[in-house]
Amino acid sequence: MAFYLVPNWFFGFGLIFEIIFGIITLAVALYSFKVYNYCLDRHCKLYGLGFLSLALSYFSWALVSWYVPFKFNVSDEVVSLENLAGIVNFGVYAHVFFFLAGLVTLTYVTFDVNGKRIYSLLLSLVLVALIFAENKIVAFYFISALLLLYIVFYYGRGYIDGQGPRNKWILTSFIFLFIGSVDFTLSAVNGIHYVAGHVLFLIGYLFILANFILMLRPLLRKGKKKK
């Protein structure tokens, strides 16, 4: 298995991006859990678990982005995992697992069904497809893009015909996340796509952050009134 770290000058910036992504997704997860404790809505719990998994994936990748430049020569465009230390292998595989688990959870929410077997089947199929893929990094980003595309269709349909959530902020965020995943897939061809993918993901998560702030306003107002 190999993963692409092109261009290598982006390591420092990439670390900053991953930390920002991790903080935003963690904040959304904590807010979702707080809402779940208040209303016991199953969807809020699943959103919390999904975004928590994404946060863990970004913090894992941040560890890799911090560790590799100080310990290895990354002048080559492709770095083989077989030649890296155990901590890097752990970080990479943790990132892949938690990221896909998070997207599968968010996709599962759109099914509007309640069944652990369906969720476990979906997660198993995704992981098995990745394990048996010849180029795992391309397969990882392709599967991520496919899951994000499904989520985009779900929120897009809801926004257009009202058959689901009509949240334009979330719809826009997942559109940018989907395009970013496509760019990450193309990073196997040109390193500039690795940078572009991060920028697109940043825009997507900023929309999620904006929506998160809008959702917090009512709670902040209630807190001020109580005082």
Protein backbone atom coordinates (compact mmCIF):
# COMPACT_ATOMS: atom_id res chain seq x y z
CA MET A 1 0.00 0.00 0.00
CA ALA A 2 1.25 3.53 -0.81
CA PHE A 3 -0.13 6.92 -0.06
CA TYR A 4 0.61 10.15 -1.88
CA LEU A 5 2.29 13.05 -0.11
CA VAL A 6 2.66 15.44 -3.02
CA PRO A 7 3.89 18.13 -2.88
CA ASN A 8 6.08 17.48 0.16
CA TRP A 9 6.21 21.21 1.08
CA PHE A 10 2.54 20.93 1.99
CA PHE A 11 3.16 18.84 5.10
CA GLY A 12 3.15 21.83 7.47
CA PHE A 13 0.07 23.37 5.89
CA GLY A 14 -1.59 19.96 5.75
CA LEU A 15 -1.08 19.56 9.50
CA ILE A 16 -2.88 22.86 10.11
CA PHE A 17 -5.72 21.83 7.80
CA GLU A 18 -6.16 18.46 9.56
CA ILE A 19 -6.28 20.08 13.00
CA ILE A 20 -8.89 22.60 11.81
CA PHE A 21 -10.97 19.80 10.27
CA GLY A 22 -10.68 17.79 13.48
CA ILE A 23 -11.76 20.68 15.70
CA ILE A 24 -14.79 21.53 13.53
CA THR A 25 -16.01 17.94 13.26
CA LEU A 26 -15.45 17.38 16.99
CA ALA A 27 -17.47 20.52 17.82
CA VAL A 28 -20.34 19.32 15.61
CA ALA A 29 -20.19 15.88 17.24
CA LEU A 30 -20.37 17.32 20.77
CA TYR A 31 -23.26 19.58 19.79
CA SER A 32 -25.13 16.62 18.27
CA PHE A 33 -24.67 14.61 21.46
CA LYS A 34 -25.92 17.56 23.51
CA VAL A 35 -29.05 17.82 21.37
CA TYR A 36 -29.53 14.05 21.63
CA ASN A 37 -29.43 14.23 25.44
CA TYR A 38 -32.14 16.87 25.26
CA CYS A 39 -34.56 15.33 22.73
CA LEU A 40 -33.33 11.68 22.45
CA ASP A 41 -33.51 11.90 18.66
CA ARG A 42 -31.74 8.87 17.16
CA HIS A 43 -30.58 10.90 14.16
CA CYS A 44 -28.73 13.36 16.41
CA LYS A 45 -26.91 10.48 18.08
CA LEU A 46 -25.87 9.04 14.71
CA TYR A 47 -24.73 12.44 13.46
CA GLY A 48 -22.68 12.78 16.62
CA LEU A 49 -21.06 9.37 16.14
CA GLY A 50 -20.40 10.11 12.46
CA PHE A 51 -18.71 13.43 13.06
CA LEU A 52 -16.82 12.07 16.07
CA SER A 53 -15.40 9.35 13.84
CA LEU A 54 -14.39 11.99 11.27
CA ALA A 55 -12.70 14.01 14.03
CA LEU A 56 -10.68 10.97 15.13
CA SER A 57 -9.66 10.36 11.52
CA TYR A 58 -8.35 13.91 11.12
CA PHE A 59 -6.44 13.85 14.38
CA SER A 60 -4.89 10.54 13.29
CA TRP A 61 -3.83 12.04 9.96
CA ALA A 62 -2.51 15.14 11.76
CA LEU A 63 -0.22 12.80 13.71
CA VAL A 64 1.11 11.39 10.43
CA SER A 65 1.57 14.88 8.91
CA TRP A 66 3.52 15.97 12.00
CA TYR A 67 5.65 12.83 12.38
CA VAL A 68 6.75 11.95 8.85
CA PRO A 69 8.72 15.12 7.88
CA PHE A 70 10.87 14.90 11.01
CA LYS A 71 11.66 11.21 10.69
CA PHE A 72 11.78 10.40 6.97
CA ASN A 73 12.98 11.75 3.68
CA VAL A 74 9.81 12.67 1.80
CA SER A 75 11.38 14.02 -1.36
CA ASP A 76 9.78 11.25 -3.40
CA GLU A 77 6.24 11.69 -4.63
CA VAL A 78 5.04 8.32 -3.35
CA VAL A 79 5.85 6.96 0.10
CA SER A 80 5.43 3.24 0.73
CA LEU A 81 3.88 2.31 4.06
CA GLU A 82 6.13 -0.74 4.23
CA ASN A 83 9.14 1.51 4.84
CA LEU A 84 7.59 3.65 7.55
CA ALA A 85 7.51 3.27 11.33
CA GLY A 86 4.68 1.62 13.22
CA ILE A 87 3.28 4.90 14.52
CA VAL A 88 2.82 6.15 10.94
CA ASN A 89 1.18 2.91 9.85
CA PHE A 90 -1.17 3.18 12.82
CA GLY A 91 -2.01 6.79 12.01
CA VAL A 92 -2.71 6.08 8.35
CA TYR A 93 -4.90 3.04 8.95
CA ALA A 94 -6.71 4.79 11.82
CA HIS A 95 -7.41 7.73 9.52
CA VAL A 96 -8.77 5.46 6.79
CA PHE A 97 -10.95 3.41 9.15
CA PHE A 98 -12.42 6.32 11.14
CA PHE A 99 -13.01 8.43 8.02
CA LEU A 100 -14.89 5.68 6.19
CA ALA A 101 -16.77 4.72 9.37
CA GLY A 102 -17.82 8.35 9.76
CA LEU A 103 -19.05 8.65 6.19
CA VAL A 104 -20.84 5.30 6.39
CA THR A 105 -22.60 6.49 9.55
CA LEU A 106 -23.68 9.77 7.92
CA THR A 107 -24.84 7.83 4.85
CA TYR A 108 -26.73 5.36 7.05
CA VAL A 109 -28.67 8.28 8.56
CA THR A 110 -30.08 9.09 5.11
CA PHE A 111 -31.59 5.60 4.81
CA ASP A 112 -34.25 6.41 7.44
CA VAL A 113 -34.08 2.81 8.68
CA ASN A 114 -33.25 1.34 12.07
CA GLY A 115 -31.13 -1.76 11.88
CA LYS A 116 -27.62 -2.57 13.10
CA ARG A 117 -27.30 -5.32 10.51
CA ILE A 118 -27.78 -2.86 7.65
CA TYR A 119 -25.15 -0.54 9.11
CA SER A 120 -22.67 -3.36 9.72
CA LEU A 121 -23.26 -4.71 6.20
CA LEU A 122 -22.61 -1.30 4.63
CA LEU A 123 -19.44 -0.75 6.68
CA SER A 124 -18.21 -4.30 5.95
CA LEU A 125 -18.72 -3.91 2.19
CA VAL A 126 -16.82 -0.61 2.21
CA LEU A 127 -13.87 -2.04 4.19
CA VAL A 128 -13.72 -5.27 2.17
CA ALA A 129 -13.72 -3.30 -1.10
CA LEU A 130 -10.80 -1.26 0.23
CA ILE A 131 -8.85 -4.27 1.49
CA PHE A 132 -8.99 -6.07 -1.85
CA ALA A 133 -8.31 -2.97 -3.96
CA GLU A 134 -4.99 -2.97 -5.78
CA ASN A 135 -4.39 0.75 -5.25
CA LYS A 136 -5.82 1.32 -1.79
CA ILE A 137 -5.37 5.08 -1.60
CA VAL A 138 -7.25 5.65 -4.86
CA ALA A 139 -9.93 3.19 -3.72
CA PHE A 140 -10.17 5.01 -0.37
CA TYR A 141 -10.80 8.39 -1.96
CA PHE A 142 -13.11 6.90 -4.60
CA ILE A 143 -15.27 5.17 -1.97
CA SER A 144 -15.31 8.38 0.07
CA ALA A 145 -16.43 10.37 -2.97
CA LEU A 146 -19.16 7.81 -3.71
CA LEU A 147 -20.54 8.01 -0.16
CA LEU A 148 -20.41 11.80 -0.21
CA LEU A 149 -22.20 11.86 -3.58
CA TYR A 150 -25.02 9.81 -2.10
CA ILE A 151 -25.30 12.26 0.80
CA VAL A 152 -25.32 15.18 -1.67
CA PHE A 153 -28.23 13.59 -3.57
CA TYR A 154 -30.11 13.10 -0.29
CA TYR A 155 -29.76 16.72 0.82
CA GLY A 156 -30.21 17.99 -2.74
CA ARG A 157 -33.52 16.17 -3.11
CA GLY A 158 -34.64 17.49 0.26
CA TYR A 159 -33.75 21.04 -0.71
CA ILE A 160 -35.47 20.88 -4.12
CA ASP A 161 -38.69 18.96 -3.46
CA GLY A 162 -38.94 19.04 0.32
CA GLN A 163 -38.63 15.26 0.76
CA GLY A 164 -36.00 15.53 3.45
CA PRO A 165 -33.87 18.16 5.22
CA ARG A 166 -33.83 21.53 3.43
CA ASN A 167 -30.58 22.85 4.84
CA LYS A 168 -28.69 24.79 2.17
CA TRP A 169 -25.60 25.13 4.36
CA ILE A 170 -25.22 21.38 4.83
CA LEU A 171 -26.00 20.71 1.16
CA THR A 172 -23.33 23.18 0.05
CA SER A 173 -20.80 21.75 2.51
CA PHE A 174 -21.23 18.19 1.24
CA ILE A 175 -20.98 19.37 -2.37
CA PHE A 176 -17.55 20.84 -1.61
CA LEU A 177 -16.54 17.73 0.35
CA PHE A 178 -17.55 15.55 -2.61
CA ILE A 179 -15.56 17.65 -5.10
CA GLY A 180 -12.64 17.62 -2.67
CA SER A 181 -12.72 13.81 -2.50
CA VAL A 182 -12.63 13.66 -6.30
CA ASP A 183 -9.59 15.93 -6.23
CA PHE A 184 -7.90 13.70 -3.65
CA THR A 185 -8.47 10.74 -5.98
CA LEU A 186 -6.68 12.63 -8.75
CA SER A 187 -3.71 13.30 -6.45
CA ALA A 188 -2.32 9.99 -7.70
CA VAL A 189 -1.82 11.75 -11.05
CA ASN A 190 -0.83 15.28 -10.01
CA GLY A 191 0.19 16.55 -6.58
CA ILE A 192 -1.67 19.84 -6.98
CA HIS A 193 -4.92 17.90 -6.50
CA TYR A 194 -3.78 16.98 -2.98
CA VAL A 195 -3.57 20.69 -2.14
CA ALA A 196 -6.82 21.51 -3.96
CA GLY A 197 -8.59 18.73 -2.07
CA HIS A 198 -7.61 20.28 1.25
CA VAL A 199 -8.79 23.72 0.14
CA LEU A 200 -12.15 22.33 -1.01
CA PHE A 201 -12.54 20.40 2.23
CA LEU A 202 -11.78 23.58 4.16
CA ILE A 203 -14.56 25.43 2.31
CA GLY A 204 -16.94 22.54 2.98
CA TYR A 205 -16.16 22.45 6.69
CA LEU A 206 -16.47 26.24 6.93
CA PHE A 207 -20.05 25.87 5.68
CA ILE A 208 -20.61 23.20 8.33
CA LEU A 209 -19.13 25.57 10.92
CA ALA A 210 -21.43 28.38 9.75
CA ASN A 211 -24.43 26.07 10.11
CA PHE A 212 -23.14 24.99 13.52
CA ILE A 213 -22.97 28.63 14.67
CA LEU A 214 -26.51 29.28 13.41
CA MET A 215 -27.76 26.28 15.40
CA LEU A 216 -25.98 27.50 18.53
CA ARG A 217 -27.60 30.94 18.50
CA PRO A 218 -30.95 29.83 19.99
CA LEU A 219 -29.13 28.04 22.82
CA LEU A 220 -26.95 31.07 23.53
CA ARG A 221 -29.99 33.32 23.62
CA LYS A 222 -31.75 31.03 26.09
CA GLY A 223 -28.62 31.03 28.25
CA LYS A 224 -28.56 34.83 28.33
CA LYS A 225 -32.27 35.03 29.23
CA LYS A 226 -31.77 32.66 32.18
CA LYS A 227 -29.02 34.90 33.51
